[in-house]
N, C-alpha and C. Protein backbone atom coordinates (compact mmCIF):
# COMPACT_ATOMS: atom_id res chain seq x y z
N MET A 1 0.96 -1.14 -0.12
CA MET A 1 0.15 0.09 -0.10
C MET A 1 0.99 1.38 -0.19
N ALA A 2 1.84 1.30 0.50
CA ALA A 2 2.76 2.13 0.65
C ALA A 2 3.54 2.60 -0.60
N LEU A 3 3.71 1.69 -1.05
CA LEU A 3 4.12 1.72 -2.83
C LEU A 3 3.55 2.52 -3.50
N ILE A 4 1.85 1.92 -3.75
CA ILE A 4 1.42 2.44 -4.54
C ILE A 4 0.80 4.49 -4.36
N ASN A 5 1.28 4.73 -2.32
CA ASN A 5 0.89 6.25 -2.51
C ASN A 5 2.15 6.62 -2.86
N PHE A 6 2.96 6.07 -2.92
CA PHE A 6 4.36 6.52 -3.01
C PHE A 6 4.43 6.66 -4.94
N ILE A 7 3.90 5.91 -5.38
CA ILE A 7 3.84 6.47 -6.87
C ILE A 7 2.90 7.33 -7.25
N ALA A 8 1.94 6.91 -6.68
CA ALA A 8 0.81 7.97 -7.05
C ALA A 8 0.99 9.31 -6.80
N THR A 9 1.72 9.60 -5.32
CA THR A 9 2.24 10.90 -5.15
C THR A 9 3.13 11.55 -6.07
N TYR A 10 4.39 10.97 -6.04
CA TYR A 10 4.99 11.28 -7.51
C TYR A 10 4.90 11.56 -8.88
N GLY A 11 4.39 10.36 -8.79
CA GLY A 11 3.53 10.32 -10.05
C GLY A 11 2.57 11.43 -10.25
N PHE A 12 1.98 12.38 -9.31
CA PHE A 12 0.95 13.14 -9.67
C PHE A 12 1.80 14.35 -9.75
N HIS A 13 2.88 14.62 -8.73
CA HIS A 13 3.79 15.45 -9.03
C HIS A 13 4.56 15.95 -10.07
N PHE A 14 4.78 14.63 -11.36
CA PHE A 14 5.51 14.39 -12.38
C PHE A 14 4.68 14.73 -13.29
N ILE A 15 3.17 14.84 -13.77
CA ILE A 15 2.92 14.80 -14.05
C ILE A 15 2.36 16.79 -14.18
N VAL A 16 2.20 16.68 -13.22
CA VAL A 16 2.11 18.38 -13.26
C VAL A 16 3.17 19.53 -13.45
N SER A 17 4.27 18.69 -12.85
CA SER A 17 5.71 19.49 -13.28
C SER A 17 6.02 19.52 -14.71
N PHE A 18 5.62 18.59 -15.55
CA PHE A 18 5.76 18.20 -16.75
C PHE A 18 4.82 19.22 -17.11
N ILE A 19 3.59 19.24 -16.99
CA ILE A 19 2.95 20.42 -17.72
C ILE A 19 3.29 21.50 -17.83
N ALA A 20 3.58 22.28 -16.02
CA ALA A 20 3.90 23.48 -15.78
C ALA A 20 5.40 23.28 -17.09
N THR A 21 6.16 22.71 -16.74
CA THR A 21 7.44 22.87 -17.42
C THR A 21 7.13 23.39 -19.10
N LEU A 22 6.10 22.51 -19.52
CA LEU A 22 5.77 22.05 -20.85
C LEU A 22 5.30 23.86 -21.27
N LEU A 23 4.45 24.14 -20.64
CA LEU A 23 3.20 25.21 -20.94
C LEU A 23 4.53 26.69 -21.07
N PHE A 24 5.68 26.87 -19.64
CA PHE A 24 6.66 27.07 -19.69
C PHE A 24 7.57 27.49 -20.78
N SER A 25 7.86 25.92 -21.39
CA SER A 25 8.50 26.17 -22.69
C SER A 25 7.85 26.33 -23.98
N ILE A 26 6.85 26.64 -24.00
CA ILE A 26 5.47 27.11 -25.20
C ILE A 26 6.05 28.40 -25.10
N LEU A 27 5.77 29.30 -23.65
CA LEU A 27 6.20 30.96 -23.40
C LEU A 27 7.09 31.19 -24.16
N PHE A 28 8.33 30.32 -23.68
CA PHE A 28 9.43 30.58 -24.39
C PHE A 28 10.09 30.66 -25.72
N ASN A 29 8.90 29.89 -26.18
CA ASN A 29 9.14 29.77 -27.63
C ASN A 29 10.28 28.25 -27.99
N ALA A 30 10.31 27.17 -27.29
CA ALA A 30 11.21 26.58 -27.14
C ALA A 30 10.32 25.80 -28.79
N PRO A 31 11.22 25.22 -29.58
CA PRO A 31 10.82 24.58 -30.92
C PRO A 31 10.11 23.21 -30.54
N ARG A 32 8.61 23.55 -31.39
CA ARG A 32 7.12 22.20 -31.10
C ARG A 32 7.86 20.82 -30.78
N ARG A 33 9.10 20.16 -31.48
CA ARG A 33 9.71 19.03 -31.14
C ARG A 33 10.66 18.90 -29.92
N LEU A 34 10.59 20.01 -29.35
CA LEU A 34 11.31 19.77 -28.14
C LEU A 34 10.63 19.87 -26.68
N LEU A 35 9.52 20.26 -27.01
CA LEU A 35 8.17 20.73 -25.78
C LEU A 35 8.26 19.31 -25.07
N ALA A 36 8.04 18.47 -25.40
CA ALA A 36 8.18 16.89 -24.38
C ALA A 36 9.10 16.73 -23.92
N ALA A 37 10.70 17.26 -24.62
CA ALA A 37 11.42 16.92 -23.65
C ALA A 37 11.91 17.83 -23.03
N CYS A 38 11.42 19.45 -22.76
CA CYS A 38 11.92 20.29 -22.25
C CYS A 38 10.79 19.80 -20.35
N GLY A 39 9.36 19.36 -21.01
CA GLY A 39 8.76 19.09 -20.15
C GLY A 39 9.13 17.93 -19.11
N PHE A 40 10.27 17.06 -19.81
CA PHE A 40 10.44 15.69 -18.86
C PHE A 40 11.59 16.11 -18.25
N VAL A 41 12.42 16.94 -18.74
CA VAL A 41 13.88 17.43 -17.74
C VAL A 41 13.20 18.19 -16.59
N GLY A 42 12.22 19.03 -16.65
CA GLY A 42 11.76 20.13 -15.39
C GLY A 42 11.01 18.73 -14.70
N ALA A 43 10.57 18.40 -15.32
CA ALA A 43 9.73 17.16 -14.16
C ALA A 43 10.24 15.98 -13.72
N ILE A 44 11.05 15.67 -14.34
CA ILE A 44 12.49 15.09 -13.29
C ILE A 44 13.02 16.08 -12.09
N ALA A 45 13.57 17.33 -12.46
CA ALA A 45 13.63 18.10 -11.31
C ALA A 45 13.05 18.17 -10.26
N TRP A 46 11.93 18.56 -10.93
CA TRP A 46 11.03 19.01 -9.72
C TRP A 46 10.65 17.55 -8.89
N VAL A 47 10.35 16.81 -9.18
CA VAL A 47 10.32 15.33 -8.21
C VAL A 47 11.64 15.16 -7.75
N ILE A 48 13.15 15.25 -7.93
CA ILE A 48 13.95 15.22 -7.20
C ILE A 48 13.80 16.19 -6.16
N TYR A 49 13.65 17.61 -6.72
CA TYR A 49 13.28 18.69 -5.39
C TYR A 49 12.44 17.99 -4.51
N LYS A 50 11.28 17.65 -4.73
CA LYS A 50 10.17 17.15 -4.00
C LYS A 50 11.11 15.62 -3.16
N PHE A 51 11.05 14.80 -4.06
CA PHE A 51 11.62 13.44 -2.92
C PHE A 51 12.96 13.94 -2.05
N THR A 52 13.43 15.07 -2.14
CA THR A 52 14.96 15.60 -1.07
C THR A 52 14.03 16.23 -0.21
N LEU A 53 12.91 17.05 -0.32
CA LEU A 53 12.15 17.69 0.18
C LEU A 53 11.89 16.55 1.51
N ASP A 54 10.99 15.56 1.44
CA ASP A 54 10.19 14.67 1.55
C ASP A 54 11.24 13.78 2.50
N MET A 55 12.77 13.79 2.07
CA MET A 55 13.65 13.13 3.22
C MET A 55 14.35 14.17 4.58
N ASP A 56 13.53 15.11 4.38
CA ASP A 56 14.25 16.17 5.42
C ASP A 56 15.30 16.37 5.20
N LEU A 57 15.76 17.09 4.18
CA LEU A 57 17.21 17.41 3.72
C LEU A 57 17.22 18.87 3.46
N GLY A 58 16.12 19.63 3.87
CA GLY A 58 15.60 21.24 3.57
C GLY A 58 15.74 21.55 1.96
N LYS A 59 15.48 22.86 2.37
CA LYS A 59 14.34 23.64 0.70
C LYS A 59 16.03 23.81 0.07
N VAL A 60 16.99 24.08 0.77
CA VAL A 60 18.06 24.45 0.09
C VAL A 60 18.77 23.36 -0.75
N MET A 61 19.07 22.36 0.19
CA MET A 61 19.32 21.20 -0.56
C MET A 61 18.61 20.56 -1.68
N ALA A 62 17.48 20.56 -1.55
CA ALA A 62 16.38 20.38 -2.42
C ALA A 62 16.65 21.14 -3.52
N ALA A 63 16.84 22.51 -3.56
CA ALA A 63 16.73 22.90 -4.45
C ALA A 63 18.20 23.26 -5.43
N PHE A 64 19.25 22.90 -4.44
CA PHE A 64 20.49 22.68 -5.39
C PHE A 64 20.40 21.21 -5.99
N LEU A 65 20.06 20.24 -5.75
CA LEU A 65 19.85 18.87 -6.09
C LEU A 65 19.30 18.96 -7.24
N GLY A 66 17.72 19.43 -7.13
CA GLY A 66 17.01 19.86 -8.28
C GLY A 66 17.48 20.50 -9.64
N SER A 67 18.12 21.54 -8.93
CA SER A 67 19.06 22.66 -9.93
C SER A 67 20.30 21.69 -10.73
N PHE A 68 20.72 21.13 -9.98
CA PHE A 68 22.29 20.21 -10.34
C PHE A 68 21.33 18.94 -11.60
N ILE A 69 20.19 18.34 -11.13
CA ILE A 69 20.04 17.29 -12.20
C ILE A 69 19.42 18.00 -13.26
N LEU A 70 18.93 18.95 -13.18
CA LEU A 70 18.11 20.04 -14.18
C LEU A 70 18.98 20.00 -15.20
N ALA A 71 20.19 20.99 -14.69
CA ALA A 71 21.27 21.33 -15.66
C ALA A 71 21.83 20.09 -16.46
N LEU A 72 22.24 18.77 -15.56
CA LEU A 72 22.86 18.24 -16.29
C LEU A 72 21.92 17.03 -17.37
N MET A 73 20.86 17.13 -17.25
CA MET A 73 19.96 16.61 -18.00
C MET A 73 19.85 17.71 -19.16
N SER A 74 19.65 18.49 -19.02
CA SER A 74 19.76 19.76 -19.77
C SER A 74 20.84 19.62 -20.81
N HIS A 75 22.15 19.46 -20.72
CA HIS A 75 23.56 19.27 -20.83
C HIS A 75 23.30 18.05 -21.81
N ILE A 76 22.77 17.17 -21.26
CA ILE A 76 22.54 15.53 -21.68
C ILE A 76 21.89 15.84 -23.10
N MET A 77 20.30 16.55 -22.79
CA MET A 77 18.97 16.54 -24.27
C MET A 77 19.41 17.62 -25.04
N SER A 78 20.46 18.39 -24.63
CA SER A 78 21.31 19.71 -25.50
C SER A 78 21.96 18.97 -26.84
N ARG A 79 23.02 17.60 -26.24
CA ARG A 79 23.70 17.41 -27.02
C ARG A 79 22.92 16.27 -27.97
N HIS A 80 21.74 15.78 -27.20
CA HIS A 80 21.09 14.63 -27.76
C HIS A 80 20.47 15.51 -29.24
N TYR A 81 19.72 16.39 -29.02
CA TYR A 81 18.59 17.58 -29.80
C TYR A 81 19.52 18.16 -30.55
N LYS A 82 21.05 18.46 -30.52
CA LYS A 82 21.75 19.16 -31.19
C LYS A 82 20.98 20.71 -30.66
N ARG A 83 20.94 21.39 -29.47
CA ARG A 83 20.29 22.77 -29.66
C ARG A 83 20.89 23.16 -28.12
N PRO A 84 20.54 24.51 -27.96
CA PRO A 84 21.05 25.60 -27.06
C PRO A 84 20.52 24.44 -25.44
N VAL A 85 21.60 24.64 -24.87
CA VAL A 85 21.25 24.06 -23.42
C VAL A 85 20.01 25.11 -22.78
N ILE A 86 20.10 26.32 -22.79
CA ILE A 86 19.23 27.51 -22.21
C ILE A 86 17.72 26.84 -22.98
N ILE A 87 17.54 26.10 -23.98
CA ILE A 87 15.91 26.01 -24.21
C ILE A 87 15.47 24.78 -22.96
N PHE A 88 16.37 24.28 -22.29
CA PHE A 88 15.82 22.81 -21.36
C PHE A 88 16.09 23.72 -20.23
N ILE A 89 17.20 24.36 -19.96
CA ILE A 89 17.33 24.74 -18.38
C ILE A 89 16.10 26.15 -17.71
N VAL A 90 15.95 26.94 -18.88
CA VAL A 90 15.04 27.54 -18.24
C VAL A 90 13.86 27.61 -17.95
N PRO A 91 12.64 26.73 -18.90
CA PRO A 91 11.62 26.10 -18.57
C PRO A 91 11.67 25.34 -17.56
N GLY A 92 12.63 24.43 -16.79
CA GLY A 92 12.51 23.92 -15.94
C GLY A 92 13.09 24.29 -14.34
N LEU A 93 13.61 25.49 -14.65
CA LEU A 93 13.75 26.31 -13.02
C LEU A 93 12.88 27.01 -12.73
N ILE A 94 11.90 26.94 -13.72
CA ILE A 94 11.10 27.96 -13.12
C ILE A 94 10.40 27.63 -12.07
N PRO A 95 10.04 26.40 -12.27
CA PRO A 95 9.21 25.86 -10.52
C PRO A 95 10.36 25.81 -9.25
N LEU A 96 11.20 25.59 -9.99
CA LEU A 96 12.20 25.89 -8.79
C LEU A 96 12.57 26.57 -7.74
N VAL A 97 11.99 27.86 -8.52
CA VAL A 97 12.39 29.11 -7.96
C VAL A 97 11.04 29.62 -7.25
N PRO A 98 11.90 30.42 -5.29
CA PRO A 98 11.12 30.48 -4.73
C PRO A 98 10.26 31.90 -4.69
N GLY A 99 9.51 32.00 -5.87
CA GLY A 99 8.63 33.44 -5.80
C GLY A 99 7.65 33.45 -4.76
N GLY A 100 7.03 32.12 -4.21
CA GLY A 100 5.72 32.27 -3.36
C GLY A 100 6.41 32.55 -1.99
N LEU A 101 8.19 32.30 -1.67
CA LEU A 101 8.03 32.75 -0.50
C LEU A 101 9.06 34.11 -0.47
N ALA A 102 8.90 34.22 -1.79
CA ALA A 102 9.63 36.53 -1.91
C ALA A 102 8.53 36.76 -1.48
N TYR A 103 7.24 36.57 -2.07
CA TYR A 103 6.10 37.31 -1.79
C TYR A 103 5.79 37.13 -0.36
N GLU A 104 5.78 36.04 0.62
CA GLU A 104 5.91 36.53 2.20
C GLU A 104 6.65 36.89 2.50
N ALA A 105 7.94 37.01 2.55
CA ALA A 105 8.72 38.40 2.66
C ALA A 105 8.46 39.50 2.70
N THR A 106 8.30 40.03 1.38
CA THR A 106 7.48 41.12 1.03
C THR A 106 6.60 41.17 2.04
N ARG A 107 5.52 40.72 2.25
CA ARG A 107 4.37 40.66 2.83
C ARG A 107 4.54 41.14 4.22
N PHE A 108 5.62 40.08 4.98
CA PHE A 108 5.92 40.19 6.13
C PHE A 108 6.57 41.73 6.26
N LEU A 109 7.09 42.20 5.42
CA LEU A 109 8.21 43.58 5.36
C LEU A 109 6.87 44.42 5.36
N VAL A 110 6.06 44.56 4.78
CA VAL A 110 5.02 45.61 3.97
C VAL A 110 4.06 45.78 5.81
N SER A 111 3.56 44.72 6.48
CA SER A 111 3.19 44.22 7.48
C SER A 111 3.86 44.33 8.76
N ASN A 112 5.31 45.13 8.60
CA ASN A 112 6.00 45.78 9.46
C ASN A 112 6.53 44.25 10.73
N GLN A 113 6.50 43.14 10.04
CA GLN A 113 7.05 42.03 10.58
C GLN A 113 8.45 41.73 10.10
N TYR A 114 9.45 42.71 10.49
CA TYR A 114 10.44 42.60 9.91
C TYR A 114 11.58 41.25 10.93
N THR A 115 11.22 40.91 11.55
CA THR A 115 11.93 39.31 11.74
C THR A 115 11.54 38.42 11.23
N HIS A 116 10.33 38.30 10.70
CA HIS A 116 9.83 37.41 9.68
C HIS A 116 10.41 37.46 8.04
N ALA A 117 10.33 38.97 8.26
CA ALA A 117 10.69 39.34 6.63
C ALA A 117 12.03 38.88 6.33
N VAL A 118 13.25 39.53 7.56
CA VAL A 118 14.53 39.29 7.32
C VAL A 118 14.84 37.85 7.03
N ASN A 119 14.30 36.82 8.18
CA ASN A 119 14.28 35.27 8.05
C ASN A 119 13.77 34.82 6.65
N THR A 120 12.76 35.25 6.58
CA THR A 120 12.33 34.72 5.14
C THR A 120 13.05 35.08 3.77
N PHE A 121 13.29 36.67 3.73
CA PHE A 121 14.39 37.08 2.36
C PHE A 121 15.83 36.39 2.73
N LEU A 122 16.12 36.11 3.65
CA LEU A 122 17.56 34.88 3.85
C LEU A 122 17.29 33.43 3.33
N GLU A 123 15.90 33.01 3.56
CA GLU A 123 15.62 31.47 3.22
C GLU A 123 15.76 31.80 1.18
N VAL A 124 15.10 32.66 1.14
CA VAL A 124 14.90 32.91 -0.18
C VAL A 124 16.30 33.30 -1.26
N THR A 125 17.17 34.13 -0.14
CA THR A 125 18.66 34.20 -1.35
C THR A 125 19.36 32.93 -1.02
N LEU A 126 19.38 32.19 -0.01
CA LEU A 126 19.95 31.22 0.28
C LEU A 126 19.58 29.78 -1.27
N ILE A 127 18.01 29.82 -1.02
CA ILE A 127 17.23 28.90 -2.11
C ILE A 127 17.56 29.47 -3.72
N SER A 128 17.59 30.75 -3.63
CA SER A 128 18.02 31.13 -4.88
C SER A 128 19.88 31.09 -5.52
N GLY A 129 20.47 31.27 -4.39
CA GLY A 129 21.95 30.54 -4.60
C GLY A 129 22.10 29.16 -4.35
N ALA A 130 21.61 28.68 -3.64
CA ALA A 130 21.50 26.65 -4.21
C ALA A 130 21.30 26.47 -5.58
N ILE A 131 20.35 27.34 -5.95
CA ILE A 131 19.70 26.82 -7.28
C ILE A 131 20.83 27.28 -8.41
N ALA A 132 21.55 28.81 -8.52
CA ALA A 132 22.36 28.86 -9.50
C ALA A 132 23.58 28.16 -8.76
N PHE A 133 24.15 27.76 -7.68
CA PHE A 133 25.15 26.92 -7.82
C PHE A 133 24.75 25.53 -8.20
N GLY A 134 23.96 24.84 -8.29
CA GLY A 134 23.35 23.69 -8.80
C GLY A 134 23.78 23.76 -9.77
N VAL A 135 23.26 24.69 -10.94
CA VAL A 135 23.61 24.89 -12.15
C VAL A 135 24.66 25.01 -12.72
N LEU A 136 25.70 25.93 -11.84
CA LEU A 136 26.95 25.66 -12.33
C LEU A 136 28.12 24.53 -11.79
N CYS A 137 27.59 24.08 -10.22
CA CYS A 137 28.49 22.65 -10.43
C CYS A 137 27.87 21.67 -11.53
N ALA A 138 26.64 21.33 -12.28
CA ALA A 138 26.66 20.76 -12.99
C ALA A 138 27.00 21.42 -14.39
N GLU A 139 27.12 22.51 -14.62
CA GLU A 139 28.24 22.70 -15.56
C GLU A 139 29.20 22.98 -15.74
N ILE A 140 29.83 22.44 -14.52
CA ILE A 140 31.48 22.32 -14.13
C ILE A 140 31.62 20.27 -14.70
N VAL A 141 30.57 19.42 -13.76
CA VAL A 141 30.78 18.25 -14.45
C VAL A 141 30.59 17.38 -15.83
N TYR A 142 29.60 18.55 -15.94
CA TYR A 142 29.58 17.78 -17.43
C TYR A 142 30.86 18.02 -18.22
N HIS A 143 31.31 19.28 -18.03
CA HIS A 143 32.69 19.80 -19.26
C HIS A 143 33.80 18.81 -18.60
N LEU A 144 33.77 18.56 -17.13
CA LEU A 144 35.06 17.35 -16.98
C LEU A 144 34.83 16.12 -17.72
N TYR A 145 33.51 15.47 -17.58
CA TYR A 145 33.06 14.48 -18.52
C TYR A 145 33.73 14.60 -19.89
N ILE A 146 33.39 15.99 -20.57
CA ILE A 146 33.91 15.83 -21.91
C ILE A 146 35.18 16.05 -21.91
N ARG A 147 35.66 16.68 -21.11
CA ARG A 147 37.14 16.59 -20.89
C ARG A 147 38.15 15.57 -20.80
N ILE A 148 37.60 14.39 -20.11
CA ILE A 148 37.77 13.62 -19.75
C ILE A 148 37.78 12.58 -21.12
N THR A 149 36.25 12.21 -21.83
CA THR A 149 36.43 11.47 -22.70
C THR A 149 37.15 12.07 -23.91
N GLN A 150 37.48 13.28 -23.99
CA GLN A 150 38.34 13.88 -25.38
C GLN A 150 39.44 13.10 -25.14
N HIS A 151 40.14 13.20 -23.50
CA HIS A 151 41.39 12.70 -23.37
C HIS A 151 41.63 11.24 -23.80
N TYR A 152 40.67 10.37 -23.16
CA TYR A 152 40.67 9.15 -23.73
C TYR A 152 40.81 8.80 -24.74
N ALA A 153 39.68 9.67 -25.77
CA ALA A 153 39.95 9.37 -26.95
C ALA A 153 40.90 9.43 -27.59
N LYS A 154 41.69 10.24 -27.52
CA LYS A 154 43.07 10.86 -28.05
C LYS A 154 43.97 9.69 -27.47
N MET A 155 44.04 9.24 -26.46
CA MET A 155 45.12 8.26 -26.23
C MET A 155 44.50 6.77 -26.74
N ARG A 156 43.52 6.12 -27.00
CA ARG A 156 43.30 5.24 -27.85
C ARG A 156 43.18 5.26 -29.15
N GLY A 157 43.76 6.74 -29.61
CA GLY A 157 43.98 7.12 -30.99
C GLY A 157 42.63 7.16 -32.02
N GLU A 158 41.65 7.47 -31.11
CA GLU A 158 40.63 7.79 -31.98
C GLU A 158 40.15 9.11 -32.59
N LYS A 159 39.61 9.26 -33.49
CA LYS A 159 39.73 10.68 -34.01
C LYS A 159 38.53 11.38 -33.09
N VAL A 160 38.75 12.88 -32.59
CA VAL A 160 38.19 13.26 -31.68
C VAL A 160 36.71 14.14 -32.25
N THR A 161 35.50 13.62 -32.08
CA THR A 161 34.72 13.95 -32.89
C THR A 161 34.22 15.52 -32.46
N LYS A 162 33.03 16.11 -33.02
CA LYS A 162 32.77 17.26 -32.71
C LYS A 162 31.82 17.03 -31.26
N SER A 163 31.26 15.67 -30.98
CA SER A 163 30.61 15.48 -30.11
C SER A 163 31.87 15.70 -28.64
N TYR A 164 32.95 15.21 -28.97
CA TYR A 164 33.66 15.64 -27.71
C TYR A 164 34.17 17.34 -27.71
N ASN A 165 34.07 18.03 -29.00
CA ASN A 165 34.87 19.33 -28.52
C ASN A 165 33.93 19.67 -27.71
N MET A 166 34.55 20.51 -26.63
CA MET A 166 33.91 21.79 -25.74
C MET A 166 33.25 23.01 -26.89
N ASN A 167 33.95 23.18 -27.68
CA ASN A 167 33.75 25.03 -28.10
C ASN A 167 32.53 24.55 -28.84
N ASN A 168 32.10 23.45 -29.53
CA ASN A 168 31.27 23.13 -30.17
C ASN A 168 29.70 22.76 -29.68
N ARG A 169 29.64 23.72 -29.32
CA ARG A 169 28.30 23.68 -28.03
C ARG A 169 26.71 23.53 -29.46
N ALA A 170 25.80 22.81 -28.48
CA ALA A 170 25.17 22.22 -29.25
C ALA A 170 24.06 23.19 -29.09
C-alpha cells in the first residue's frame, strides 16, 4: 500500500510539473519538437526536489539537487537534440524558483513583521543561491566529463569528433 501511495504521489507531481514546464517552454518559444523533452527534464528536476524535501534535507539542499539534475539533463538533451542548453534549463528552473516565499517575505516586510521578513528573505536568498550553484556545479561536472572523454579518445588513437569538442556547443 505504501508503494502505491509513493507512486501515486510522485506520479502526480511528475505529471503536474511536466505540464507546467511544457507550458513555460511554449511561453519561451521552444521548438515544438522539443516541448516533450523540456517537460520531461523539468518534471524530473521537480520530482528530485520534492523527494529531497520529503527526505527532510531542507529546501536549500532540495533546490541544489533539483537544479543540479536539471542542468545535467539539460546538457544531455542539448547534445542529443543538437540545440542550445538554455532551451531546457530556463523552463525547468521556473518551478524551482522560490517566488511564493519571496512574496511572503515582502508581505511580512509591508506588515512591519521585520524579524519574519528578514528570515524569509534570507531563506529566499539561500534557495536562489543553491539553484545557481547547482547549475554551476552541473556545468563543471559536464565539462569535466567531456574533457576526460576527449582525453581518453585521444589516448586510444581515436579521432575526436565534434560531439567531444567543448567549443562546439549544441
